[in-house]
Amino acid sequence: MSIIKYTEEEFRHRELLGKRIVELRHKYGLTQEELADKVKIASRSLSEIENGKCCPNAIIVYRIARALDITLFEFYEFKEENKVVIK
C-alpha cells in the first residue's frame, strides 16, 4: 500500500469539494443518509468526504453528480471566493 503525500492546494481542494457537496445536497433537500443511499456508500463515508477528511474517487464523484442530476462541470463549479485552479 502506498501513501500519497498531498500538497496544501490539494488539501484545500478536498475541503472545497466537500463544501460543494454539502451545498448541493442542501439545495436539493437531501439528508446525508438520503444522498449516501442514492450514491450507494455509507453515510459515514459521505460525512468524511463532506468534512474534507477523505477524497472521493472518480466513480463516487460521478455517482454524486448523477444522484443530484447535475453535470460534472456543474459539480465542480465552486463559488468565486472558493475557486480552485487546477494546473
PDB file of N, CA and C in Angstrom:
ATOM      1  N   MET A   1       0.842  -1.180   0.000  1.00  0.00           N
ATOM      2  CA  MET A   1       0.000   0.000   0.000  1.00  0.00           C
ATOM      3  C   MET A   1       0.887   1.243   0.000  1.00  0.00           C
ATOM      4  N   SER A   2       0.648   2.147  -0.944  1.00  0.00           N
ATOM      5  CA  SER A   2       1.445   3.369  -0.984  1.00  0.00           C
ATOM      6  C   SER A   2       0.707   4.491  -0.266  1.00  0.00           C
ATOM      7  N   ILE A   3       1.485   5.391   0.280  1.00  0.00           N
ATOM      8  CA  ILE A   3       0.908   6.544   0.970  1.00  0.00           C
ATOM      9  C   ILE A   3       1.146   7.764   0.095  1.00  0.00           C
ATOM     10  N   ILE A   4       0.072   8.464  -0.216  1.00  0.00           N
ATOM     11  CA  ILE A   4       0.157   9.653  -1.059  1.00  0.00           C
ATOM     12  C   ILE A   4       0.346  10.863  -0.165  1.00  0.00           C
ATOM     13  N   LYS A   5       1.314  11.703  -0.513  1.00  0.00           N
ATOM     14  CA  LYS A   5       1.520  12.954   0.212  1.00  0.00           C
ATOM     15  C   LYS A   5       0.845  14.056  -0.588  1.00  0.00           C
ATOM     16  N   TYR A   6      -0.114  14.724   0.042  1.00  0.00           N
ATOM     17  CA  TYR A   6      -0.876  15.767  -0.631  1.00  0.00           C
ATOM     18  C   TYR A   6      -0.258  17.134  -0.395  1.00  0.00           C
ATOM     19  N   THR A   7      -0.372  18.005  -1.395  1.00  0.00           N
ATOM     20  CA  THR A   7       0.076  19.385  -1.248  1.00  0.00           C
ATOM     21  C   THR A   7      -0.990  20.170  -0.507  1.00  0.00           C
ATOM     22  N   GLU A   8      -0.630  21.353  -0.075  1.00  0.00           N
ATOM     23  CA  GLU A   8      -1.590  22.223   0.607  1.00  0.00           C
ATOM     24  C   GLU A   8      -2.764  22.555  -0.314  1.00  0.00           C
ATOM     25  N   GLU A   9      -2.465  22.780  -1.584  1.00  0.00           N
ATOM     26  CA  GLU A   9      -3.512  23.088  -2.562  1.00  0.00           C
ATOM     27  C   GLU A   9      -4.478  21.904  -2.717  1.00  0.00           C
ATOM     28  N   GLU A  10      -3.937  20.696  -2.707  1.00  0.00           N
ATOM     29  CA  GLU A  10      -4.776  19.508  -2.827  1.00  0.00           C
ATOM     30  C   GLU A  10      -5.655  19.318  -1.595  1.00  0.00           C
ATOM     31  N   PHE A  11      -5.130  19.627  -0.418  1.00  0.00           N
ATOM     32  CA  PHE A  11      -5.951  19.573   0.797  1.00  0.00           C
ATOM     33  C   PHE A  11      -7.069  20.607   0.712  1.00  0.00           C
ATOM     34  N   ARG A  12      -6.755  21.792   0.215  1.00  0.00           N
ATOM     35  CA  ARG A  12      -7.759  22.855   0.071  1.00  0.00           C
ATOM     36  C   ARG A  12      -8.844  22.409  -0.915  1.00  0.00           C
ATOM     37  N   HIS A  13      -8.438  21.772  -1.997  1.00  0.00           N
ATOM     38  CA  HIS A  13      -9.412  21.296  -2.980  1.00  0.00           C
ATOM     39  C   HIS A  13     -10.354  20.285  -2.345  1.00  0.00           C
ATOM     40  N   ARG A  14      -9.812  19.403  -1.535  1.00  0.00           N
ATOM     41  CA  ARG A  14     -10.626  18.394  -0.849  1.00  0.00           C
ATOM     42  C   ARG A  14     -11.663  19.060   0.046  1.00  0.00           C
ATOM     43  N   GLU A  15     -11.245  20.109   0.748  1.00  0.00           N
ATOM     44  CA  GLU A  15     -12.164  20.880   1.601  1.00  0.00           C
ATOM     45  C   GLU A  15     -13.273  21.518   0.776  1.00  0.00           C
ATOM     46  N   LEU A  16     -12.880  22.172  -0.314  1.00  0.00           N
ATOM     47  CA  LEU A  16     -13.853  22.855  -1.170  1.00  0.00           C
ATOM     48  C   LEU A  16     -14.828  21.872  -1.806  1.00  0.00           C
ATOM     49  N   LEU A  17     -14.326  20.736  -2.202  1.00  0.00           N
ATOM     50  CA  LEU A  17     -15.176  19.711  -2.796  1.00  0.00           C
ATOM     51  C   LEU A  17     -16.221  19.244  -1.782  1.00  0.00           C
ATOM     52  N   GLY A  18     -15.794  19.032  -0.554  1.00  0.00           N
ATOM     53  CA  GLY A  18     -16.723  18.630   0.499  1.00  0.00           C
ATOM     54  C   GLY A  18     -17.792  19.681   0.738  1.00  0.00           C
ATOM     55  N   LYS A  19     -17.374  20.952   0.777  1.00  0.00           N
ATOM     56  CA  LYS A  19     -18.335  22.050   0.973  1.00  0.00           C
ATOM     57  C   LYS A  19     -19.315  22.126  -0.195  1.00  0.00           C
ATOM     58  N   ARG A  20     -18.813  21.860  -1.396  1.00  0.00           N
ATOM     59  CA  ARG A  20     -19.683  21.894  -2.583  1.00  0.00           C
ATOM     60  C   ARG A  20     -20.737  20.802  -2.506  1.00  0.00           C
ATOM     61  N   ILE A  21     -20.347  19.634  -2.038  1.00  0.00           N
ATOM     62  CA  ILE A  21     -21.309  18.536  -1.900  1.00  0.00           C
ATOM     63  C   ILE A  21     -22.386  18.907  -0.894  1.00  0.00           C
ATOM     64  N   VAL A  22     -21.979  19.499   0.229  1.00  0.00           N
ATOM     65  CA  VAL A  22     -22.954  19.930   1.239  1.00  0.00           C
ATOM     66  C   VAL A  22     -23.903  20.963   0.636  1.00  0.00           C
ATOM     67  N   GLU A  23     -23.339  21.935  -0.082  1.00  0.00           N
ATOM     68  CA  GLU A  23     -24.141  22.983  -0.713  1.00  0.00           C
ATOM     69  C   GLU A  23     -25.177  22.386  -1.670  1.00  0.00           C
ATOM     70  N   LEU A  24     -24.739  21.470  -2.517  1.00  0.00           N
ATOM     71  CA  LEU A  24     -25.643  20.847  -3.482  1.00  0.00           C
ATOM     72  C   LEU A  24     -26.675  19.961  -2.790  1.00  0.00           C
ATOM     73  N   ARG A  25     -26.240  19.237  -1.784  1.00  0.00           N
ATOM     74  CA  ARG A  25     -27.159  18.351  -1.057  1.00  0.00           C
ATOM     75  C   ARG A  25     -28.268  19.174  -0.406  1.00  0.00           C
ATOM     76  N   HIS A  26     -27.904  20.306   0.194  1.00  0.00           N
ATOM     77  CA  HIS A  26     -28.914  21.170   0.810  1.00  0.00           C
ATOM     78  C   HIS A  26     -29.828  21.786  -0.249  1.00  0.00           C
ATOM     79  N   LYS A  27     -29.234  22.187  -1.368  1.00  0.00           N
ATOM     80  CA  LYS A  27     -30.024  22.778  -2.464  1.00  0.00           C
ATOM     81  C   LYS A  27     -31.123  21.825  -2.925  1.00  0.00           C
ATOM     82  N   TYR A  28     -30.807  20.534  -2.957  1.00  0.00           N
ATOM     83  CA  TYR A  28     -31.775  19.539  -3.412  1.00  0.00           C
ATOM     84  C   TYR A  28     -32.551  18.902  -2.267  1.00  0.00           C
ATOM     85  N   GLY A  29     -32.380  19.433  -1.053  1.00  0.00           N
ATOM     86  CA  GLY A  29     -33.178  18.996   0.088  1.00  0.00           C
ATOM     87  C   GLY A  29     -32.932  17.570   0.534  1.00  0.00           C
ATOM     88  N   LEU A  30     -31.691  17.123   0.431  1.00  0.00           N
ATOM     89  CA  LEU A  30     -31.372  15.755   0.821  1.00  0.00           C
ATOM     90  C   LEU A  30     -30.576  15.712   2.123  1.00  0.00           C
ATOM     91  N   THR A  31     -30.828  14.701   2.909  1.00  0.00           N
ATOM     92  CA  THR A  31     -30.007  14.458   4.095  1.00  0.00           C
ATOM     93  C   THR A  31     -28.756  13.690   3.654  1.00  0.00           C
ATOM     94  N   GLN A  32     -27.783  13.602   4.538  1.00  0.00           N
ATOM     95  CA  GLN A  32     -26.596  12.796   4.231  1.00  0.00           C
ATOM     96  C   GLN A  32     -27.000  11.353   3.958  1.00  0.00           C
ATOM     97  N   GLU A  33     -27.900  10.844   4.758  1.00  0.00           N
ATOM     98  CA  GLU A  33     -28.328   9.455   4.596  1.00  0.00           C
ATOM     99  C   GLU A  33     -28.995   9.227   3.248  1.00  0.00           C
ATOM    100  N   GLU A  34     -29.835  10.161   2.832  1.00  0.00           N
ATOM    101  CA  GLU A  34     -30.528  10.021   1.547  1.00  0.00           C
ATOM    102  C   GLU A  34     -29.550  10.054   0.376  1.00  0.00           C
ATOM    103  N   LEU A  35     -28.609  11.011   0.408  1.00  0.00           N
ATOM    104  CA  LEU A  35     -27.643  11.093  -0.680  1.00  0.00           C
ATOM    105  C   LEU A  35     -26.727   9.877  -0.668  1.00  0.00           C
ATOM    106  N   ALA A  36     -26.279   9.479   0.501  1.00  0.00           N
ATOM    107  CA  ALA A  36     -25.402   8.298   0.603  1.00  0.00           C
ATOM    108  C   ALA A  36     -26.109   7.063   0.031  1.00  0.00           C
ATOM    109  N   ASP A  37     -27.385   6.938   0.322  1.00  0.00           N
ATOM    110  CA  ASP A  37     -28.150   5.805  -0.199  1.00  0.00           C
ATOM    111  C   ASP A  37     -28.222   5.849  -1.726  1.00  0.00           C
ATOM    112  N   LYS A  38     -28.451   7.028  -2.291  1.00  0.00           N
ATOM    113  CA  LYS A  38     -28.508   7.172  -3.748  1.00  0.00           C
ATOM    114  C   LYS A  38     -27.159   6.869  -4.396  1.00  0.00           C
ATOM    115  N   VAL A  39     -26.080   7.212  -3.694  1.00  0.00           N
ATOM    116  CA  VAL A  39     -24.731   7.033  -4.224  1.00  0.00           C
ATOM    117  C   VAL A  39     -24.202   5.623  -3.936  1.00  0.00           C
ATOM    118  N   LYS A  40     -24.908   4.928  -3.053  1.00  0.00           N
ATOM    119  CA  LYS A  40     -24.532   3.561  -2.657  1.00  0.00           C
ATOM    120  C   LYS A  40     -23.219   3.520  -1.874  1.00  0.00           C
ATOM    121  N   ILE A  41     -23.103   4.477  -0.915  1.00  0.00           N
ATOM    122  CA  ILE A  41     -21.985   4.467   0.016  1.00  0.00           C
ATOM    123  C   ILE A  41     -22.545   4.646   1.425  1.00  0.00           C
ATOM    124  N   ALA A  42     -21.741   4.366   2.424  1.00  0.00           N
ATOM    125  CA  ALA A  42     -22.164   4.542   3.809  1.00  0.00           C
ATOM    126  C   ALA A  42     -22.287   6.038   4.112  1.00  0.00           C
ATOM    127  N   SER A  43     -23.259   6.399   4.943  1.00  0.00           N
ATOM    128  CA  SER A  43     -23.423   7.816   5.299  1.00  0.00           C
ATOM    129  C   SER A  43     -22.174   8.339   6.009  1.00  0.00           C
ATOM    130  N   ARG A  44     -21.483   7.471   6.739  1.00  0.00           N
ATOM    131  CA  ARG A  44     -20.225   7.878   7.388  1.00  0.00           C
ATOM    132  C   ARG A  44     -19.184   8.259   6.338  1.00  0.00           C
ATOM    133  N   SER A  45     -19.123   7.533   5.245  1.00  0.00           N
ATOM    134  CA  SER A  45     -18.182   7.854   4.159  1.00  0.00           C
ATOM    135  C   SER A  45     -18.524   9.207   3.550  1.00  0.00           C
ATOM    136  N   LEU A  46     -19.808   9.460   3.327  1.00  0.00           N
ATOM    137  CA  LEU A  46     -20.223  10.751   2.790  1.00  0.00           C
ATOM    138  C   LEU A  46     -19.867  11.864   3.759  1.00  0.00           C
ATOM    139  N   SER A  47     -20.066  11.635   5.044  1.00  0.00           N
ATOM    140  CA  SER A  47     -19.710  12.627   6.061  1.00  0.00           C
ATOM    141  C   SER A  47     -18.219  12.956   6.005  1.00  0.00           C
ATOM    142  N   GLU A  48     -17.386  11.937   5.869  1.00  0.00           N
ATOM    143  CA  GLU A  48     -15.941  12.163   5.796  1.00  0.00           C
ATOM    144  C   GLU A  48     -15.557  12.937   4.536  1.00  0.00           C
ATOM    145  N   ILE A  49     -16.237  12.660   3.431  1.00  0.00           N
ATOM    146  CA  ILE A  49     -15.993  13.406   2.192  1.00  0.00           C
ATOM    147  C   ILE A  49     -16.408  14.860   2.388  1.00  0.00           C
ATOM    148  N   GLU A  50     -17.598  15.077   2.932  1.00  0.00           N
ATOM    149  CA  GLU A  50     -18.095  16.437   3.134  1.00  0.00           C
ATOM    150  C   GLU A  50     -17.221  17.235   4.094  1.00  0.00           C
ATOM    151  N   ASN A  51     -16.607  16.566   5.048  1.00  0.00           N
ATOM    152  CA  ASN A  51     -15.754  17.250   6.021  1.00  0.00           C
ATOM    153  C   ASN A  51     -14.303  17.356   5.569  1.00  0.00           C
ATOM    154  N   GLY A  52     -14.016  16.925   4.348  1.00  0.00           N
ATOM    155  CA  GLY A  52     -12.678  17.035   3.795  1.00  0.00           C
ATOM    156  C   GLY A  52     -11.684  16.058   4.384  1.00  0.00           C
ATOM    157  N   LYS A  53     -12.169  15.030   5.061  1.00  0.00           N
ATOM    158  CA  LYS A  53     -11.269  14.051   5.669  1.00  0.00           C
ATOM    159  C   LYS A  53     -10.786  13.009   4.671  1.00  0.00           C
ATOM    160  N   CYS A  54     -11.554  12.815   3.613  1.00  0.00           N
ATOM    161  CA  CYS A  54     -11.110  11.914   2.552  1.00  0.00           C
ATOM    162  C   CYS A  54     -11.617  12.454   1.225  1.00  0.00           C
ATOM    163  N   CYS A  55     -11.012  11.997   0.175  1.00  0.00           N
ATOM    164  CA  CYS A  55     -11.345  12.475  -1.158  1.00  0.00           C
ATOM    165  C   CYS A  55     -12.056  11.371  -1.929  1.00  0.00           C
ATOM    166  N   PRO A  56     -13.199  11.673  -2.517  1.00  0.00           N
ATOM    167  CA  PRO A  56     -13.910  10.634  -3.266  1.00  0.00           C
ATOM    168  C   PRO A  56     -13.181  10.303  -4.557  1.00  0.00           C
ATOM    169  N   ASN A  57     -13.273   9.048  -4.963  1.00  0.00           N
ATOM    170  CA  ASN A  57     -12.690   8.685  -6.249  1.00  0.00           C
ATOM    171  C   ASN A  57     -13.632   9.143  -7.368  1.00  0.00           C
ATOM    172  N   ALA A  58     -13.180   8.984  -8.588  1.00  0.00           N
ATOM    173  CA  ALA A  58     -13.938   9.468  -9.745  1.00  0.00           C
ATOM    174  C   ALA A  58     -15.323   8.835  -9.846  1.00  0.00           C
ATOM    175  N   ILE A  59     -15.444   7.567  -9.495  1.00  0.00           N
ATOM    176  CA  ILE A  59     -16.739   6.884  -9.574  1.00  0.00           C
ATOM    177  C   ILE A  59     -17.722   7.497  -8.575  1.00  0.00           C
ATOM    178  N   ILE A  60     -17.260   7.788  -7.369  1.00  0.00           N
ATOM    179  CA  ILE A  60     -18.147   8.382  -6.354  1.00  0.00           C
ATOM    180  C   ILE A  60     -18.562   9.792  -6.777  1.00  0.00           C
ATOM    181  N   VAL A  61     -17.631  10.570  -7.315  1.00  0.00           N
ATOM    182  CA  VAL A  61     -17.970  11.910  -7.810  1.00  0.00           C
ATOM    183  C   VAL A  61     -19.029  11.801  -8.900  1.00  0.00           C
ATOM    184  N   TYR A  62     -18.845  10.864  -9.811  1.00  0.00           N
ATOM    185  CA  TYR A  62     -19.818  10.641 -10.889  1.00  0.00           C
ATOM    186  C   TYR A  62     -21.182  10.267 -10.311  1.00  0.00           C
ATOM    187  N   ARG A  63     -21.195   9.351  -9.336  1.00  0.00           N
ATOM    188  CA  ARG A  63     -22.466   8.933  -8.725  1.00  0.00           C
ATOM    189  C   ARG A  63     -23.157  10.085  -8.010  1.00  0.00           C
ATOM    190  N   ILE A  64     -22.385  10.927  -7.335  1.00  0.00           N
ATOM    191  CA  ILE A  64     -22.982  12.074  -6.641  1.00  0.00           C
ATOM    192  C   ILE A  64     -23.611  13.018  -7.657  1.00  0.00           C
ATOM    193  N   ALA A  65     -22.892  13.305  -8.724  1.00  0.00           N
ATOM    194  CA  ALA A  65     -23.442  14.176  -9.769  1.00  0.00           C
ATOM    195  C   ALA A  65     -24.714  13.585 -10.367  1.00  0.00           C
ATOM    196  N   ARG A  66     -24.708  12.281 -10.633  1.00  0.00           N
ATOM    197  CA  ARG A  66     -25.900  11.619 -11.184  1.00  0.00           C
ATOM    198  C   ARG A  66     -27.062  11.672 -10.192  1.00  0.00           C
ATOM    199  N   ALA A  67     -26.762  11.431  -8.914  1.00  0.00           N
ATOM    200  CA  ALA A  67     -27.812  11.436  -7.888  1.00  0.00           C
ATOM    201  C   ALA A  67     -28.458  12.811  -7.774  1.00  0.00           C
ATOM    202  N   LEU A  68     -27.665  13.855  -8.015  1.00  0.00           N
ATOM    203  CA  LEU A  68     -28.182  15.227  -7.937  1.00  0.00           C
ATOM    204  C   LEU A  68     -28.662  15.732  -9.293  1.00  0.00           C
ATOM    205  N   ASP A  69     -28.547  14.889 -10.329  1.00  0.00           N
ATOM    206  CA  ASP A  69     -28.969  15.219 -11.682  1.00  0.00           C
ATOM    207  C   ASP A  69     -28.282  16.489 -12.193  1.00  0.00           C
ATOM    208  N   ILE A  70     -26.950  16.549 -11.986  1.00  0.00           N
ATOM    209  CA  ILE A  70     -26.167  17.666 -12.480  1.00  0.00           C
ATOM    210  C   ILE A  70     -24.994  17.112 -13.294  1.00  0.00           C
ATOM    211  N   THR A  71     -24.399  17.974 -14.095  1.00  0.00           N
ATOM    212  CA  THR A  71     -23.227  17.569 -14.866  1.00  0.00           C
ATOM    213  C   THR A  71     -21.990  17.633 -13.973  1.00  0.00           C
ATOM    214  N   LEU A  72     -20.939  16.956 -14.397  1.00  0.00           N
ATOM    215  CA  LEU A  72     -19.682  17.038 -13.651  1.00  0.00           C
ATOM    216  C   LEU A  72     -19.156  18.467 -13.654  1.00  0.00           C
ATOM    217  N   PHE A  73     -19.383  19.197 -14.738  1.00  0.00           N
ATOM    218  CA  PHE A  73     -18.972  20.601 -14.788  1.00  0.00           C
ATOM    219  C   PHE A  73     -19.672  21.399 -13.685  1.00  0.00           C
ATOM    220  N   GLU A  74     -20.977  21.216 -13.553  1.00  0.00           N
ATOM    221  CA  GLU A  74     -21.722  21.908 -12.502  1.00  0.00           C
ATOM    222  C   GLU A  74     -21.226  21.503 -11.112  1.00  0.00           C
ATOM    223  N   PHE A  75     -20.876  20.245 -10.981  1.00  0.00           N
ATOM    224  CA  PHE A  75     -20.396  19.729  -9.703  1.00  0.00           C
ATOM    225  C   PHE A  75     -19.146  20.483  -9.257  1.00  0.00           C
ATOM    226  N   TYR A  76     -18.278  20.779 -10.204  1.00  0.00           N
ATOM    227  CA  TYR A  76     -17.017  21.443  -9.878  1.00  0.00           C
ATOM    228  C   TYR A  76     -17.078  22.961  -9.965  1.00  0.00           C
ATOM    229  N   GLU A  77     -18.265  23.532 -10.117  1.00  0.00           N
ATOM    230  CA  GLU A  77     -18.399  24.984 -10.121  1.00  0.00           C
ATOM    231  C   GLU A  77     -18.410  25.486  -8.681  1.00  0.00           C
ATOM    232  N   PHE A  78     -17.245  25.879  -8.200  1.00  0.00           N
ATOM    233  CA  PHE A  78     -17.164  26.431  -6.855  1.00  0.00           C
ATOM    234  C   PHE A  78     -17.484  27.915  -6.911  1.00  0.00           C
ATOM    235  N   LYS A  79     -17.953  28.451  -5.807  1.00  0.00           N
ATOM    236  CA  LYS A  79     -18.189  29.889  -5.731  1.00  0.00           C
ATOM    237  C   LYS A  79     -16.872  30.609  -5.979  1.00  0.00           C
ATOM    238  N   GLU A  80     -16.953  31.819  -6.518  1.00  0.00           N
ATOM    239  CA  GLU A  80     -15.749  32.547  -6.921  1.00  0.00           C
ATOM    240  C   GLU A  80     -14.731  32.670  -5.786  1.00  0.00           C
ATOM    241  N   GLU A  81     -15.178  32.958  -4.569  1.00  0.00           N
ATOM    242  CA  GLU A  81     -14.227  33.106  -3.466  1.00  0.00           C
ATOM    243  C   GLU A  81     -13.579  31.779  -3.084  1.00  0.00           C
ATOM    244  N   ASN A  82     -14.178  30.676  -3.518  1.00  0.00           N
ATOM    245  CA  ASN A  82     -13.632  29.351  -3.229  1.00  0.00           C
ATOM    246  C   ASN A  82     -13.028  28.694  -4.460  1.00  0.00           C
ATOM    247  N   LYS A  83     -12.864  29.474  -5.515  1.00  0.00           N
ATOM    248  CA  LYS A  83     -12.446  28.900  -6.802  1.00  0.00           C
ATOM    249  C   LYS A  83     -11.125  28.155  -6.676  1.00  0.00           C
ATOM    250  N   VAL A  84     -11.069  27.019  -7.312  1.00  0.00           N
ATOM    251  CA  VAL A  84      -9.872  26.206  -7.335  1.00  0.00           C
ATOM    252  C   VAL A  84      -9.325  26.220  -8.752  1.00  0.00           C
ATOM    253  N   VAL A  85      -8.064  26.480  -8.889  1.00  0.00           N
ATOM    254  CA  VAL A  85      -7.426  26.449 -10.187  1.00  0.00           C
ATOM    255  C   VAL A  85      -6.594  25.176 -10.232  1.00  0.00           C
ATOM    256  N   ILE A  86      -6.922  24.297 -11.160  1.00  0.00           N
ATOM    257  CA  ILE A  86      -6.183  23.046 -11.297  1.00  0.00           C
ATOM    258  C   ILE A  86      -5.226  23.195 -12.457  1.00  0.00           C
ATOM    259  N   LYS A  87      -3.957  23.018 -12.166  1.00  0.00           N
ATOM    260  CA  LYS A  87      -2.913  23.208 -13.197  1.00  0.00           C
ATOM    261  C   LYS A  87      -2.488  21.888 -13.749  1.00  0.00           C
TER     262      LYS A  87
END
